[in-house]
C-alpha cells in the first residue's frame, strides 16, 4: 500500500496504525495492521485487545485471495479493530482453498469476486458446504458480500442458461442479466436504520417467501433485482448483501451486530471493556462513518 492508501484505510476502517505482535502459522512477527491486507496470512493471527485482556474471538476471512474486491477487506479490518476497542482479542483465520479448517470459528466474513475467482474456489467451497450450513444453523454470525452472497443462495443461472448451484444457506436464487446495477445505494433497514454501500452486479437475486431482506430501496433498478425494492437477505445471524464499499466502516451498527452475536455465542453475553482512549477512538470512528455515509449518499456513483 502507498502512504495515501494506508491513511485512507486507517481513517475509514479504523485500523490500528501502531505495530502489534501477531502469529502466522505459529511464527511471531511484528506488522502494522493498516498495512495488512486480506490474504496476507494463512492460518491464525492474533490481534491485541485494547484492554490488554485475552477474551479471544476467532474470525474467519473466507477465500480472501479470490473473493475480495471493491474494498471488502475493510470489513475484516473493521471487525478486528472494533473487537480490540471492546476489549476482545481477534484470532484471525484467512481461509483459502486447500487450507485446513480451524478448530473454532466464531464469525465469518466473505467478499465479492470475479467469475474467475468463483470458479477457483467452488470445489473447495462445496467440500465445506455441510460444515458452513451447520455453523449457520448454530447461529454463527456471517457477512457475505456479492459473489459470496449469491453462492450462499440456492443457485445462479447465467445469461446463457447455465445453472450453478449454491449451498442453500439463504433461500434465494439469482438469474444473470446483461444490464449491471452500479452505484452508491441507500437502503432502509428495520434493525440497522439507513444502510449505505456500493453495488456493482448484473445478477438479479430473488428471495424465497419468508426470507427477510436486509433492507429496502426506494428506486427501481436497484438492490437485489431492480424490481421488488429488496436488498440483501437475513437468515438467522447470516447477512447477505450486494453492498461493497467497504460496508462495515460506513455501517458500524452491522459490525457491532456481528461482534455481539459472536461474543454472546462464545461467552454468553457481550460485555465490552472500553477504556477512555478506546471510547475516544470509537467516537472518532463514528464521526468518520457519518461523513463517509453523507458523501456516499450524495453521489450516485
Protein backbone atom coordinates (compact mmCIF):
# COMPACT_ATOMS: atom_id res chain seq x y z
CA UNK A 1 0.00 0.00 0.00
CA UNK A 2 1.06 3.59 -0.53
CA UNK A 3 1.12 6.04 2.36
CA UNK A 4 -2.03 7.62 0.97
CA UNK A 5 -3.76 4.26 0.86
CA UNK A 6 -2.72 3.50 4.41
CA UNK A 7 -4.14 6.82 5.57
CA UNK A 8 -7.44 6.13 3.86
CA UNK A 9 -7.76 2.62 5.22
CA UNK A 10 -6.83 3.76 8.70
CA UNK A 11 -9.38 6.55 8.64
CA UNK A 12 -12.32 4.69 7.17
CA UNK A 13 -11.86 1.23 8.61
CA UNK A 14 -10.46 2.33 11.94
CA UNK A 15 -7.43 0.09 11.63
CA UNK A 16 -4.51 0.09 14.04
CA UNK A 17 -1.58 2.21 12.94
CA UNK A 18 0.83 1.07 15.63
CA UNK A 19 2.72 -2.20 15.42
CA UNK A 20 1.23 -5.19 17.12
CA UNK A 21 2.50 -8.72 17.56
CA UNK A 22 0.80 -11.39 15.50
CA UNK A 23 1.44 -15.05 14.77
CA UNK A 24 1.43 -16.51 11.28
CA UNK A 25 1.33 -20.30 11.22
CA UNK A 26 2.95 -20.30 14.62
CA UNK A 27 5.69 -17.79 13.78
CA UNK A 28 5.71 -14.50 15.66
CA UNK A 29 6.25 -11.36 13.66
CA UNK A 30 5.55 -7.66 14.07
CA UNK A 31 3.40 -5.90 11.49
CA UNK A 32 1.25 -2.81 11.18
CA UNK A 33 -2.38 -3.77 10.82
CA UNK A 34 -3.03 -0.84 8.48
CA UNK A 35 -0.50 -2.44 6.13
CA UNK A 36 -2.11 -5.88 6.31
CA UNK A 37 -4.40 -6.89 3.50
CA UNK A 38 -6.74 -9.85 3.49
CA UNK A 39 -4.90 -12.88 2.21
CA UNK A 40 -1.55 -11.75 3.63
CA UNK A 41 -1.55 -14.53 6.18
CA UNK A 42 -2.83 -18.05 6.32
CA UNK A 43 -3.76 -19.83 9.48
CA UNK A 44 -4.34 -17.94 12.73
CA UNK A 45 -3.24 -14.41 13.52
CA UNK A 46 -4.00 -12.88 16.89
CA UNK A 47 -4.75 -9.20 17.44
CA UNK A 48 -4.11 -7.44 20.74
CA UNK A 49 -7.15 -6.29 22.70
CA UNK A 50 -7.30 -2.64 23.69
CA UNK A 51 -7.93 -3.52 27.31
CA UNK A 52 -4.99 -5.92 27.46
CA UNK A 53 -7.39 -8.81 28.15
CA UNK A 54 -7.40 -12.15 26.38
CA UNK A 55 -11.02 -12.90 25.52
CA UNK A 56 -10.45 -14.42 22.07
CA UNK A 57 -12.93 -14.31 19.21
CA UNK A 58 -12.00 -16.47 16.21
CA UNK A 59 -12.73 -14.56 12.99
CA UNK A 60 -12.52 -16.14 9.54
CA UNK A 61 -11.94 -14.31 6.28
CA UNK A 62 -13.34 -16.71 3.69
CA UNK A 63 -11.33 -17.04 0.44
CA UNK A 64 -9.62 -13.63 0.68
CA UNK A 65 -7.23 -14.36 -2.22
CA UNK A 66 -10.04 -14.74 -4.75
CA UNK A 67 -13.17 -13.21 -3.17
CA UNK A 68 -12.04 -9.76 -2.15
CA UNK A 69 -12.86 -6.83 -4.44
CA UNK A 70 -14.14 -3.27 -4.11
CA UNK A 71 -12.62 -2.85 -0.65
CA UNK A 72 -14.29 -5.84 1.01
CA UNK A 73 -11.15 -6.50 3.07
CA UNK A 74 -12.10 -3.37 5.01
CA UNK A 75 -14.85 -5.41 6.65
CA UNK A 76 -12.21 -7.68 8.21
CA UNK A 77 -10.15 -4.73 9.41
CA UNK A 78 -13.21 -3.07 10.91
CA UNK A 79 -14.26 -6.15 12.87
CA UNK A 80 -10.72 -6.62 14.16
CA UNK A 81 -10.39 -3.03 15.27
CA UNK A 82 -13.78 -2.85 16.96
CA UNK A 83 -13.18 -6.14 18.77
CA UNK A 84 -9.96 -4.70 20.16
CA UNK A 85 -11.65 -1.48 21.23
CA UNK A 86 -14.30 -3.51 23.06
CA UNK A 87 -11.59 -5.43 24.89
CA UNK A 88 -11.63 -8.68 22.92
CA UNK A 89 -8.78 -10.43 21.15
CA UNK A 90 -9.28 -11.22 17.47
CA UNK A 91 -7.78 -14.51 16.34
CA UNK A 92 -7.72 -14.35 12.55
CA UNK A 93 -8.05 -17.25 10.13
CA UNK A 94 -7.53 -16.38 6.45
CA UNK A 95 -9.04 -19.43 4.79
CA UNK A 96 -8.29 -20.13 1.12
CA UNK A 97 -8.97 -23.24 -0.95
CA UNK A 98 -6.94 -26.20 0.22
CA UNK A 99 -6.29 -24.78 3.69
CA UNK A 100 -7.05 -26.66 6.87
CA UNK A 101 -10.27 -25.55 8.51
CA UNK A 102 -9.62 -24.15 12.02
CA UNK A 103 -10.88 -25.91 15.12
CA UNK A 104 -13.04 -22.93 16.09
CA UNK A 105 -14.81 -20.17 14.17
CA UNK A 106 -16.93 -17.50 15.88
CA UNK A 107 -17.56 -15.12 12.96
CA UNK A 108 -17.15 -15.47 9.18
CA UNK A 109 -16.68 -12.70 6.59
CA UNK A 110 -16.81 -13.28 2.83
CA UNK A 111 -16.33 -10.81 0.00
CA UNK A 112 -17.17 -10.42 -3.65
CA UNK A 113 -15.14 -11.71 -6.57
CA UNK A 114 -14.93 -12.00 -10.32
CA UNK A 115 -16.30 -15.06 -12.14
CA UNK A 116 -12.76 -16.43 -12.34
CA UNK A 117 -12.43 -16.17 -8.57
CA UNK A 118 -15.69 -18.01 -8.02
CA UNK A 119 -14.54 -20.81 -10.31
CA UNK A 120 -11.29 -21.16 -8.37
CA UNK A 121 -12.95 -21.61 -5.01
CA UNK A 122 -16.09 -23.50 -5.97
CA UNK A 123 -14.82 -27.08 -5.47
CA UNK A 124 -13.37 -26.31 -2.06
CA UNK A 125 -16.48 -24.31 -1.16
CA UNK A 126 -18.76 -27.27 -1.82
CA UNK A 127 -16.43 -29.54 0.10
CA UNK A 128 -17.04 -27.24 3.10
CA UNK A 129 -20.76 -26.72 2.39
CA UNK A 130 -22.12 -29.06 5.08
CA UNK A 131 -19.85 -27.51 7.70
CA UNK A 132 -20.80 -23.95 6.72
CA UNK A 133 -24.51 -24.82 6.75
CA UNK A 134 -24.11 -26.39 10.19
CA UNK A 135 -22.34 -23.29 11.53
CA UNK A 136 -25.09 -21.07 10.10
CA UNK A 137 -27.76 -23.24 11.74
CA UNK A 138 -25.90 -22.98 15.05
CA UNK A 139 -26.08 -19.19 14.88
CA UNK A 140 -22.52 -18.30 13.89
CA UNK A 141 -22.72 -14.71 12.56
CA UNK A 142 -21.68 -14.33 8.93
CA UNK A 143 -21.49 -11.48 6.43
CA UNK A 144 -21.40 -12.44 2.75
CA UNK A 145 -20.92 -9.82 0.05
CA UNK A 146 -21.99 -10.01 -3.62
CA UNK A 147 -20.48 -13.18 -5.13
CA UNK A 148 -20.42 -14.99 -1.79
CA UNK A 149 -23.99 -13.81 -1.16
CA UNK A 150 -25.01 -15.49 -4.42
CA UNK A 151 -23.14 -18.71 -3.55
CA UNK A 152 -24.92 -18.83 -0.18
CA UNK A 153 -28.21 -18.97 -2.09
CA UNK A 154 -29.77 -21.91 -3.94
CA UNK A 155 -28.40 -21.39 -7.45
CA UNK A 156 -27.18 -18.89 -10.05
CA UNK A 157 -28.47 -19.15 -13.60
CA UNK A 158 -26.22 -17.39 -16.12
CA UNK A 159 -27.41 -15.40 -19.14
CA UNK A 160 -26.76 -18.41 -21.39
CA UNK A 161 -28.85 -20.67 -19.15
CA UNK A 162 -26.05 -22.45 -17.32
CA UNK A 163 -27.07 -23.25 -13.75
CA UNK A 164 -24.53 -23.09 -10.92
CA UNK A 165 -25.63 -24.49 -7.59
CA UNK A 166 -25.22 -22.65 -4.28
CA UNK A 167 -25.14 -24.13 -0.79
CA UNK A 168 -28.65 -23.05 0.22
CA UNK A 169 -27.95 -21.21 3.46
CA UNK A 170 -30.13 -18.36 2.17
CA UNK A 171 -33.46 -19.09 0.50
CA UNK A 172 -32.77 -17.13 -2.68
CA UNK A 173 -31.81 -17.69 -6.31
CA UNK A 174 -30.00 -15.48 -8.81
CA UNK A 175 -30.54 -15.01 -12.55
CA UNK A 176 -27.96 -13.28 -14.73
CA UNK A 177 -28.83 -10.34 -16.96
CA UNK A 178 -26.95 -8.11 -19.40
CA UNK A 179 -27.60 -4.86 -17.51
CA UNK A 180 -25.48 -4.10 -14.44
CA UNK A 181 -26.76 -2.33 -11.34
CA UNK A 182 -24.00 0.06 -10.29
CA UNK A 183 -23.68 2.90 -7.82
CA UNK A 184 -23.90 4.09 -4.26
CA UNK A 185 -27.04 2.82 -2.61
CA UNK A 186 -29.12 3.76 0.44
CA UNK A 187 -31.47 1.16 1.86
CA UNK A 188 -33.78 1.26 4.86
CA UNK A 189 -33.37 -1.48 7.43
CA UNK A 190 -35.73 -2.02 10.35
CA UNK A 191 -32.83 -3.20 12.52
CA UNK A 192 -29.89 -1.11 11.31
CA UNK A 193 -31.51 2.10 10.08
CA UNK A 194 -30.16 3.54 6.83
CA UNK A 195 -27.53 1.23 5.34
CA UNK A 196 -25.19 2.74 2.76
CA UNK A 197 -22.86 0.92 0.38
CA UNK A 198 -21.84 0.45 -3.25
CA UNK A 199 -23.43 -2.12 -5.54
CA UNK A 200 -21.97 -3.44 -8.79
CA UNK A 201 -23.64 -6.60 -10.07
CA UNK A 202 -25.56 -7.99 -13.02
CA UNK A 203 -27.22 -10.89 -11.24
CA UNK A 204 -30.84 -10.49 -10.17
CA UNK A 205 -31.42 -12.15 -6.80
CA UNK A 206 -34.93 -13.12 -5.74
CA UNK A 207 -35.76 -14.08 -2.16
CA UNK A 208 -37.98 -17.03 -1.39
CA UNK A 209 -41.19 -16.42 0.54
CA UNK A 210 -40.49 -15.86 4.21
CA UNK A 211 -36.87 -14.73 3.75
CA UNK A 212 -36.32 -11.23 5.13
CA UNK A 213 -34.30 -8.70 3.13
CA UNK A 214 -31.52 -6.78 4.82
CA UNK A 215 -33.34 -3.62 3.77
CA UNK A 216 -35.44 -1.93 1.13
CA UNK A 217 -34.52 0.56 -1.58
CA UNK A 218 -36.72 3.35 -2.90
CA UNK A 219 -35.87 3.31 -6.60
CA UNK A 220 -36.42 0.83 -9.41
CA UNK A 221 -33.37 -0.75 -10.98
CA UNK A 222 -31.51 -1.11 -7.68
CA UNK A 223 -30.98 -3.64 -4.92
CA UNK A 224 -31.39 -7.40 -5.21
CA UNK A 225 -33.06 -7.45 -8.60
CA UNK A 226 -34.20 -3.98 -9.60
CA UNK A 227 -37.86 -4.96 -9.36
CA UNK A 228 -39.14 -5.67 -5.84
CA UNK A 229 -37.13 -3.00 -3.97
CA UNK A 230 -35.43 -5.51 -1.67
CA UNK A 231 -31.70 -5.58 -0.96
CA UNK A 232 -29.73 -8.33 0.71
CA UNK A 233 -31.08 -11.04 2.95
CA UNK A 234 -31.06 -12.01 6.60
CA UNK A 235 -31.36 -15.63 7.78
CA UNK A 236 -30.70 -16.28 11.46
CA UNK A 237 -27.37 -14.49 12.04
CA UNK A 238 -26.30 -14.68 8.39
CA UNK A 239 -26.39 -11.45 6.37
CA UNK A 240 -26.04 -11.43 2.59
CA UNK A 241 -25.80 -8.19 0.62
CA UNK A 242 -24.56 -6.67 -2.63
CA UNK A 243 -23.04 -3.72 -0.77
CA UNK A 244 -19.32 -3.18 -1.19
CA UNK A 245 -17.58 -0.01 -0.18
CA UNK A 246 -16.44 -1.37 2.37
CA UNK A 247 -19.77 -1.94 4.06
CA UNK A 248 -18.82 -2.15 7.75
CA UNK A 249 -16.71 1.03 8.13
CA UNK A 250 -19.72 3.06 6.97
CA UNK A 251 -22.25 0.94 8.84
CA UNK A 252 -20.82 0.18 12.31
CA UNK A 253 -24.22 -0.99 13.59
CA UNK A 254 -23.88 -4.06 11.39
CA UNK A 255 -20.30 -4.62 12.54
CA UNK A 256 -21.43 -4.43 16.16
CA UNK A 257 -24.30 -6.83 15.48
CA UNK A 258 -21.86 -9.44 14.15
CA UNK A 259 -19.49 -8.87 17.07
CA UNK A 260 -22.27 -9.02 19.64
CA UNK A 261 -23.63 -12.30 18.29
CA UNK A 262 -20.15 -13.83 18.20
CA UNK A 263 -19.45 -12.81 21.80
CA UNK A 264 -22.85 -13.99 23.03
CA UNK A 265 -22.37 -17.40 21.46
CA UNK A 266 -18.89 -17.83 22.91
CA UNK A 267 -19.20 -16.17 26.31
CA UNK A 268 -22.93 -15.98 26.94
CA UNK A 269 -23.01 -12.18 26.77
CA UNK A 270 -21.40 -9.25 25.00
CA UNK A 271 -19.58 -7.33 27.74
CA UNK A 272 -17.39 -4.56 26.31
CA UNK A 273 -14.44 -3.40 28.41
CA UNK A 274 -13.87 0.02 26.90
CA UNK A 275 -11.05 2.21 28.14
CA UNK A 276 -11.22 6.00 27.95
CA UNK A 277 -8.86 6.02 24.97
CA UNK A 278 -10.91 3.30 23.25
CA UNK A 279 -14.08 5.32 23.82
CA UNK A 280 -12.44 8.28 22.16
CA UNK A 281 -11.43 6.11 19.22
CA UNK A 282 -14.95 4.71 18.86
CA UNK A 283 -16.32 8.25 18.83
CA UNK A 284 -13.77 9.22 16.16
CA UNK A 285 -14.73 6.23 14.02
CA UNK A 286 -18.39 7.16 14.35
CA UNK A 287 -17.62 10.65 13.02
CA UNK A 288 -15.74 9.15 10.07
CA UNK A 289 -18.67 6.81 9.38
CA UNK A 290 -21.18 9.67 9.44
CA UNK A 291 -19.09 11.68 6.97
CA UNK A 292 -18.48 8.69 4.68
CA UNK A 293 -22.20 7.93 4.65
CA UNK A 294 -23.03 11.56 3.87
CA UNK A 295 -20.64 11.66 0.91
CA UNK A 296 -21.74 8.28 -0.46
CA UNK A 297 -25.44 9.13 -0.18
CA UNK A 298 -24.87 12.36 -2.12
CA UNK A 299 -23.05 10.66 -5.00
CA UNK A 300 -24.87 8.33 -7.40
CA UNK A 301 -21.54 6.67 -8.32
